[in-house]
Amino acid sequence: MRVLHLTRDYPPRNCGGISSAVPALVDALAGIGVDNAVISFDSWRGRARGPASFAAAAQHGILLRIERGSPVAEISAAHDRFEPDLIHVHHENLGPFAFQLRVERNTPIVYTAHTYQWRAARSSSDQRQLLSQSDGVLAPSHALAELIRPHTAAPVEISANVVRAPTAGQRSPAPATVAYVGRFDHTKGTDLLFEVMRFGMRAHGELRFVVAGGNPANRRSERAWRRRWLETAEVGQESRVRFTGWLDAEGLEEVYRRATLQIVPSRFETFGLAAAEGMARGVPVVANRAAALAELIDDQRTGFLIDGDDPDAMARRIVELCQRSDQLAAVAAAARETIHTRFAAPVVAAATRSFYERFV
């Protein structure tokens, strides 16, 4: 079977989200004999002025990288070189390219709804079109599947993300150190994170935070969020929070290795990849009981869930847990085992290939 993936920000470009999930899936599918190729729209803006910018590349399964414009002829040529049995679309804005290929080449389309973007008018239109016209739809969680099923007649199946196994090495948590990993925005609960940091450090004199993330595609927004923290932090708290910026895989491994706990204050998650990656590395997670996070975490057994937008409750829970090393060790072990069982590459790849076979 030959599958052509249309995605954005494929490695070595790393913006989190699908730029982590898609290569993990591609590698997993290759491991069970699926032949993959990738067209990646890297930091792409379809309406950007100027000529199309693209480069063909053969390494790592990449057929084409696109930076701006709409090189339709080149996309069609890449499709014809590879001759896929199926097109897998991983970003809602790329649907029009897939539909053109289907019209021209009659190649079936599967769409993974990695995000839920209907707040923005253009994204809403693109996602609705993919849901209504794709041959099959994959959702990484039951929470997202329930939201999208009313908008498609295509079969919808749950297909979790592959969670890569951590590199070998022992954890060495620093005392009372809480990590946040991910983007800065309202949906991710960045404002709640800042409140938890304020309340937590007020209640625990040794509590520290490491904030690993930001907005790699929008530095202005990232700077605005950092200013917001500085404007709300209490006296002496600035020195107890370390903002690392966006990290590569090696940098993230060090953050996870040194964290006592990981905080995930998101208001909505379609899967919760950052939480799952922390759990896979034995980091106990404290998260909002929001959408897919409530599926990912079994409260008190594989992590800890807090109801609603309640930064005070989350801060109190973190302070309490920092003093209960035995409970944290048991939860970390259960979380690691659960993630490695449910989201191992062969498990996810086999389910995805089985779904593909319904349309080929």
Protein backbone atom coordinates (compact mmCIF):
# COMPACT_ATOMS: atom_id res chain seq x y z
CA MET A 1 0.00 0.00 0.00
CA ARG A 2 1.23 3.48 -0.94
CA VAL A 3 0.04 6.50 1.07
CA LEU A 4 0.69 10.16 0.27
CA HIS A 5 0.52 12.39 3.36
CA LEU A 6 -0.34 16.10 3.02
CA THR A 7 0.79 17.87 6.17
CA ARG A 8 2.41 21.00 7.58
CA ASP A 9 5.72 21.70 9.28
CA TYR A 10 7.27 18.27 8.88
CA PRO A 11 10.64 17.70 10.61
CA PRO A 12 13.21 19.06 10.83
CA ARG A 13 10.76 21.97 11.19
CA ASN A 14 9.06 21.52 14.56
CA CYS A 15 5.99 23.45 15.69
CA GLY A 16 4.61 20.70 17.93
CA GLY A 17 1.22 19.15 17.28
CA ILE A 18 1.07 17.53 13.86
CA SER A 19 4.79 18.14 13.28
CA SER A 20 5.28 15.55 16.04
CA ALA A 21 2.25 13.33 15.42
CA VAL A 22 2.56 12.86 11.65
CA PRO A 23 6.22 11.73 11.48
CA ALA A 24 5.56 9.29 14.32
CA LEU A 25 2.65 7.82 12.34
CA VAL A 26 4.67 7.71 9.10
CA ASP A 27 7.47 5.84 10.85
CA ALA A 28 4.99 3.45 12.46
CA LEU A 29 3.26 2.71 9.14
CA ALA A 30 6.62 2.10 7.48
CA GLY A 31 7.34 -0.40 10.23
CA ILE A 32 4.41 -2.58 9.09
CA GLY A 33 5.15 -2.33 5.38
CA VAL A 34 3.22 0.77 4.24
CA ASP A 35 5.09 2.82 1.64
CA ASN A 36 4.75 6.52 2.58
CA ALA A 37 5.55 9.83 0.92
CA VAL A 38 5.05 13.33 2.32
CA ILE A 39 4.22 16.72 0.84
CA SER A 40 4.88 19.24 3.59
CA PHE A 41 3.68 22.84 3.63
CA ASP A 42 6.39 24.36 5.84
CA SER A 43 5.31 27.58 7.56
CA TRP A 44 2.97 27.88 4.59
CA ARG A 45 0.73 30.86 3.91
CA GLY A 46 -1.38 30.17 0.84
CA ARG A 47 -2.21 33.84 0.29
CA ALA A 48 1.34 35.13 0.74
CA ARG A 49 2.50 37.41 -2.04
CA GLY A 50 5.27 36.48 -4.42
CA PRO A 51 5.99 33.42 -6.52
CA ALA A 52 5.49 29.94 -5.19
CA SER A 53 8.41 28.67 -3.17
CA PHE A 54 9.00 24.94 -3.20
CA ALA A 55 11.75 22.38 -3.34
CA ALA A 56 11.66 18.73 -4.31
CA ALA A 57 13.51 16.38 -1.96
CA ALA A 58 13.79 12.63 -1.86
CA GLN A 59 15.21 12.05 1.61
CA HIS A 60 13.09 10.87 4.54
CA GLY A 61 10.06 10.24 2.32
CA ILE A 62 9.63 13.92 1.43
CA LEU A 63 8.40 14.47 -2.12
CA LEU A 64 7.91 18.22 -1.90
CA ARG A 65 8.28 21.08 0.58
CA ILE A 66 6.16 24.19 0.02
CA GLU A 67 6.73 27.52 1.74
CA ARG A 68 4.28 29.83 -0.02
CA GLY A 69 1.91 30.00 -2.93
CA SER A 70 0.07 27.10 -4.54
CA PRO A 71 2.33 25.10 -6.87
CA VAL A 72 -0.51 22.93 -8.14
CA ALA A 73 1.40 21.52 -11.10
CA GLU A 74 4.30 20.46 -8.88
CA ILE A 75 1.94 18.78 -6.42
CA SER A 76 0.28 16.85 -9.24
CA ALA A 77 3.68 15.84 -10.60
CA ALA A 78 4.80 14.63 -7.17
CA HIS A 79 1.58 12.61 -6.88
CA ASP A 80 2.23 11.01 -10.27
CA ARG A 81 5.82 10.13 -9.38
CA PHE A 82 4.70 8.31 -6.27
CA GLU A 83 1.37 6.89 -7.56
CA PRO A 84 -0.34 6.57 -4.16
CA ASP A 85 -3.31 4.31 -3.43
CA LEU A 86 -4.64 6.87 -0.93
CA ILE A 87 -4.11 10.48 0.19
CA HIS A 88 -4.03 11.16 3.94
CA VAL A 89 -4.71 14.83 4.79
CA HIS A 90 -3.45 16.05 8.17
CA HIS A 91 -4.35 19.75 8.07
CA GLU A 92 -7.71 21.29 7.19
CA ASN A 93 -6.25 24.03 4.96
CA LEU A 94 -4.76 21.41 2.63
CA GLY A 95 -8.08 19.87 1.65
CA PRO A 96 -8.39 21.77 -1.67
CA PHE A 97 -5.13 20.24 -2.93
CA ALA A 98 -6.33 16.75 -2.04
CA PHE A 99 -9.71 17.29 -3.72
CA GLN A 100 -8.04 18.45 -6.92
CA LEU A 101 -5.92 15.31 -6.97
CA ARG A 102 -9.00 13.18 -6.43
CA VAL A 103 -10.79 14.85 -9.35
CA GLU A 104 -7.74 14.49 -11.60
CA ARG A 105 -6.49 11.07 -10.45
CA ASN A 106 -9.46 9.51 -8.60
CA THR A 107 -7.37 8.90 -5.46
CA PRO A 108 -9.41 8.34 -2.26
CA ILE A 109 -8.94 10.71 0.69
CA VAL A 110 -8.71 10.04 4.43
CA TYR A 111 -8.66 13.04 6.77
CA THR A 112 -7.36 13.10 10.33
CA ALA A 113 -8.94 15.90 12.36
CA HIS A 114 -5.90 16.68 14.50
CA THR A 115 -7.48 19.99 15.52
CA TYR A 116 -10.91 21.53 16.01
CA GLN A 117 -10.63 24.89 14.28
CA TRP A 118 -14.17 26.06 13.72
CA ARG A 119 -13.69 29.29 15.65
CA ALA A 120 -11.93 30.82 12.63
CA ALA A 121 -14.19 31.34 9.62
CA ARG A 122 -11.71 30.15 6.99
CA SER A 123 -10.57 27.16 8.99
CA SER A 124 -14.21 26.32 9.67
CA SER A 125 -14.98 26.25 5.97
CA ASP A 126 -11.93 24.12 5.14
CA GLN A 127 -12.61 21.63 7.91
CA ARG A 128 -16.29 21.33 7.09
CA GLN A 129 -15.41 20.63 3.45
CA LEU A 130 -12.97 17.90 4.44
CA LEU A 131 -15.50 16.31 6.76
CA SER A 132 -18.24 16.38 4.13
CA GLN A 133 -16.15 15.19 1.15
CA SER A 134 -13.48 12.83 2.52
CA ASP A 135 -13.95 9.10 2.07
CA GLY A 136 -13.05 8.43 5.69
CA VAL A 137 -12.30 10.48 8.82
CA LEU A 138 -10.00 9.67 11.72
CA ALA A 139 -10.26 11.36 15.14
CA PRO A 140 -7.62 10.97 17.86
CA SER A 141 -10.20 10.83 20.68
CA HIS A 142 -13.84 10.03 21.40
CA ALA A 143 -14.36 13.64 22.52
CA LEU A 144 -13.43 14.96 19.08
CA ALA A 145 -15.27 12.19 17.23
CA GLU A 146 -18.51 13.15 18.93
CA LEU A 147 -18.08 16.75 17.80
CA ILE A 148 -17.42 15.95 14.16
CA ARG A 149 -19.77 13.02 13.51
CA PRO A 150 -22.82 15.25 12.92
CA HIS A 151 -20.93 16.99 10.12
CA THR A 152 -19.95 14.02 7.97
CA ALA A 153 -21.54 11.05 6.27
CA ALA A 154 -18.15 9.34 6.02
CA PRO A 155 -17.17 6.64 8.49
CA VAL A 156 -15.43 8.11 11.55
CA GLU A 157 -13.00 5.99 13.53
CA ILE A 158 -10.93 6.68 16.63
CA SER A 159 -7.21 6.60 15.82
CA ALA A 160 -4.92 7.72 18.62
CA ASN A 161 -1.54 9.32 18.04
CA VAL A 162 1.62 7.29 18.27
CA VAL A 163 3.47 8.26 21.44
CA ARG A 164 7.16 7.70 20.86
CA ALA A 165 9.02 5.71 23.52
CA PRO A 166 11.45 7.85 25.52
CA THR A 167 15.17 7.51 25.18
CA ALA A 168 16.88 5.32 27.72
CA GLY A 169 17.88 6.94 30.99
CA GLN A 170 16.75 7.42 34.53
CA ARG A 171 14.67 10.36 35.69
CA SER A 172 16.27 12.69 38.19
CA PRO A 173 13.55 15.12 39.30
CA ALA A 174 14.58 18.39 40.86
CA PRO A 175 12.71 19.10 44.12
CA ALA A 176 9.28 20.73 43.68
CA THR A 177 9.77 21.47 39.97
CA VAL A 178 6.70 21.66 37.72
CA ALA A 179 6.98 21.62 33.92
CA TYR A 180 4.67 23.04 31.28
CA VAL A 181 5.22 21.91 27.67
CA GLY A 182 3.32 23.38 24.73
CA ARG A 183 1.99 26.41 22.91
CA PHE A 184 0.84 29.64 24.50
CA ASP A 185 -2.83 30.43 23.85
CA HIS A 186 -6.23 30.60 25.50
CA THR A 187 -7.27 27.07 24.51
CA LYS A 188 -4.05 25.67 26.00
CA GLY A 189 -4.89 27.53 29.22
CA THR A 190 -1.81 29.73 29.33
CA ASP A 191 -3.67 32.30 31.42
CA LEU A 192 -4.62 29.53 33.86
CA LEU A 193 -1.00 28.38 33.95
CA PHE A 194 0.10 31.84 35.10
CA GLU A 195 -2.53 31.84 37.84
CA VAL A 196 -1.44 28.38 39.01
CA MET A 197 2.16 29.56 39.11
CA ARG A 198 1.24 32.60 41.21
CA PHE A 199 -0.95 30.67 43.65
CA GLY A 200 1.40 27.70 43.88
CA MET A 201 4.56 29.69 44.58
CA ARG A 202 2.68 31.77 47.15
CA ALA A 203 1.71 28.56 49.01
CA HIS A 204 5.01 26.69 48.62
CA GLY A 205 8.22 28.63 49.17
CA GLU A 206 10.41 26.21 47.18
CA LEU A 207 8.08 25.55 44.23
CA ARG A 208 9.57 26.28 40.80
CA PHE A 209 8.26 26.12 37.23
CA VAL A 210 9.90 25.39 33.89
CA VAL A 211 7.85 26.66 30.94
CA ALA A 212 8.99 24.91 27.76
CA GLY A 213 7.12 26.25 24.77
CA GLY A 214 5.74 29.37 23.21
CA ASN A 215 4.54 30.27 19.73
CA PRO A 216 7.18 29.24 17.20
CA ALA A 217 5.18 30.64 14.28
CA ASN A 218 4.23 33.90 16.04
CA ARG A 219 7.00 35.42 18.12
CA ARG A 220 5.00 38.59 18.76
CA SER A 221 2.27 36.56 20.47
CA GLU A 222 4.89 34.68 22.50
CA ARG A 223 6.41 37.95 23.72
CA ALA A 224 2.96 39.26 24.65
CA TRP A 225 2.27 36.19 26.80
CA ARG A 226 5.63 36.56 28.56
CA ARG A 227 4.90 40.23 29.28
CA ARG A 228 1.55 39.18 30.68
CA TRP A 229 3.30 36.89 33.16
CA LEU A 230 5.74 39.59 34.23
CA GLU A 231 2.88 42.03 34.77
CA THR A 232 0.99 39.59 37.05
CA ALA A 233 3.84 37.86 38.89
CA GLU A 234 4.24 38.67 42.56
CA VAL A 235 7.45 39.97 44.10
CA GLY A 236 10.23 37.40 43.88
CA GLN A 237 8.33 34.96 41.67
CA GLU A 238 10.05 35.88 38.39
CA SER A 239 13.27 34.19 39.52
CA ARG A 240 11.43 30.93 40.24
CA VAL A 241 10.08 30.51 36.69
CA ARG A 242 12.33 29.58 33.76
CA PHE A 243 11.03 30.18 30.25
CA THR A 244 13.08 27.98 27.90
CA GLY A 245 11.44 28.93 24.62
CA TRP A 246 10.58 26.26 22.04
CA LEU A 247 12.85 23.24 22.51
CA ASP A 248 14.08 20.45 20.28
CA ALA A 249 13.62 16.80 21.25
CA GLU A 250 16.82 16.65 23.27
CA GLY A 251 15.92 19.77 25.23
CA LEU A 252 12.45 18.41 26.01
CA GLU A 253 13.89 15.14 27.26
CA GLU A 254 15.92 17.09 29.82
CA VAL A 255 12.83 19.02 30.95
CA TYR A 256 10.87 15.79 31.44
CA ARG A 257 13.82 14.15 33.20
CA ARG A 258 14.03 16.92 35.78
CA ALA A 259 10.30 17.56 36.39
CA THR A 260 8.56 16.48 39.58
CA LEU A 261 5.17 17.07 37.90
CA GLN A 262 3.79 18.24 34.59
CA ILE A 263 0.89 20.70 34.39
CA VAL A 264 -1.59 20.59 31.48
CA PRO A 265 -4.16 23.39 31.99
CA SER A 266 -5.77 23.09 28.51
CA ARG A 267 -9.42 23.97 28.11
CA PHE A 268 -9.71 21.62 25.14
CA GLU A 269 -7.50 18.88 23.71
CA THR A 270 -8.16 16.64 20.72
CA PHE A 271 -5.64 14.10 22.07
CA GLY A 272 -3.21 15.64 24.59
CA LEU A 273 0.12 14.68 23.05
CA ALA A 274 2.26 16.72 25.47
CA ALA A 275 0.56 15.04 28.43
CA ALA A 276 0.97 11.60 26.87
CA GLU A 277 4.66 12.21 26.19
CA GLY A 278 5.19 13.22 29.80
CA MET A 279 3.32 10.16 31.05
CA ALA A 280 5.39 7.92 28.77
CA ARG A 281 8.49 9.28 30.49
CA GLY A 282 7.18 8.70 33.99
CA VAL A 283 6.21 12.30 34.77
CA PRO A 284 2.99 12.51 36.84
CA VAL A 285 0.52 14.85 35.09
CA VAL A 286 -1.93 17.28 36.70
CA ALA A 287 -4.48 18.35 34.07
CA ASN A 288 -7.83 19.96 33.48
CA ARG A 289 -10.65 17.44 33.06
CA ALA A 290 -11.13 18.68 29.49
CA ALA A 291 -12.18 16.70 26.41
CA ALA A 292 -9.52 14.13 25.44
CA LEU A 293 -7.53 14.64 28.65
CA ALA A 294 -10.32 12.93 30.58
CA GLU A 295 -9.90 9.91 28.27
CA LEU A 296 -6.13 9.91 28.43
CA ILE A 297 -5.81 10.12 32.23
CA ASP A 298 -7.40 7.79 34.77
CA ASP A 299 -7.72 10.11 37.76
CA GLN A 300 -5.67 9.05 40.78
CA ARG A 301 -4.24 6.03 38.92
CA THR A 302 -2.33 7.36 35.89
CA GLY A 303 -2.52 11.09 36.66
CA PHE A 304 -4.60 13.75 38.36
CA LEU A 305 -7.60 15.65 36.95
CA ILE A 306 -9.01 18.96 38.15
CA ASP A 307 -12.59 19.97 37.32
CA GLY A 308 -13.14 23.24 35.47
CA ASP A 309 -11.06 26.38 35.13
CA ASP A 310 -9.92 26.35 38.74
CA PRO A 311 -6.30 27.50 39.06
CA ASP A 312 -6.54 27.63 42.84
CA ALA A 313 -7.56 23.95 43.02
CA MET A 314 -4.84 22.98 40.56
CA ALA A 315 -2.22 24.92 42.53
CA ARG A 316 -3.31 23.31 45.82
CA ARG A 317 -3.15 19.86 44.22
CA ILE A 318 0.35 20.49 42.89
CA VAL A 319 1.61 21.73 46.27
CA GLU A 320 0.10 18.66 47.98
CA LEU A 321 1.56 16.22 45.45
CA CYS A 322 5.06 17.66 45.71
CA GLN A 323 5.10 16.26 49.26
CA ARG A 324 3.83 12.76 48.37
CA SER A 325 6.68 11.04 46.55
CA ASP A 326 5.33 7.50 47.12
CA GLN A 327 2.01 8.29 45.46
CA LEU A 328 3.76 10.03 42.57
CA ALA A 329 6.01 7.02 41.96
CA ALA A 330 3.03 4.64 41.74
CA VAL A 331 1.10 6.96 39.42
CA ALA A 332 4.14 7.48 37.20
CA ALA A 333 4.66 3.74 36.80
CA ALA A 334 1.00 3.13 35.92
CA ALA A 335 1.00 6.02 33.45
CA ARG A 336 4.11 4.79 31.69
CA GLU A 337 2.73 1.28 31.31
CA THR A 338 -0.65 2.54 30.03
CA ILE A 339 0.85 4.84 27.40
CA HIS A 340 3.30 2.25 26.13
CA THR A 341 0.48 -0.29 25.80
CA ARG A 342 -2.26 1.87 24.26
CA PHE A 343 -0.23 4.10 21.96
CA ALA A 344 2.66 1.92 20.82
CA ALA A 345 3.63 2.34 17.17
CA PRO A 346 2.60 -1.16 15.99
CA VAL A 347 -0.84 -0.85 17.65
CA VAL A 348 -1.68 2.52 16.10
CA ALA A 349 -0.18 1.65 12.72
CA ALA A 350 -2.17 -1.58 12.42
CA ALA A 351 -5.45 0.20 13.21
CA THR A 352 -4.67 2.98 10.73
CA ARG A 353 -3.77 0.55 7.94
CA SER A 354 -6.97 -1.40 8.58
CA PHE A 355 -8.94 1.84 8.11
CA TYR A 356 -7.07 2.66 4.89
CA GLU A 357 -7.97 -0.75 3.46
CA ARG A 358 -11.66 0.14 3.53
CA PHE A 359 -11.10 2.67 0.74
CA VAL A 360 -8.36 1.11 -1.42
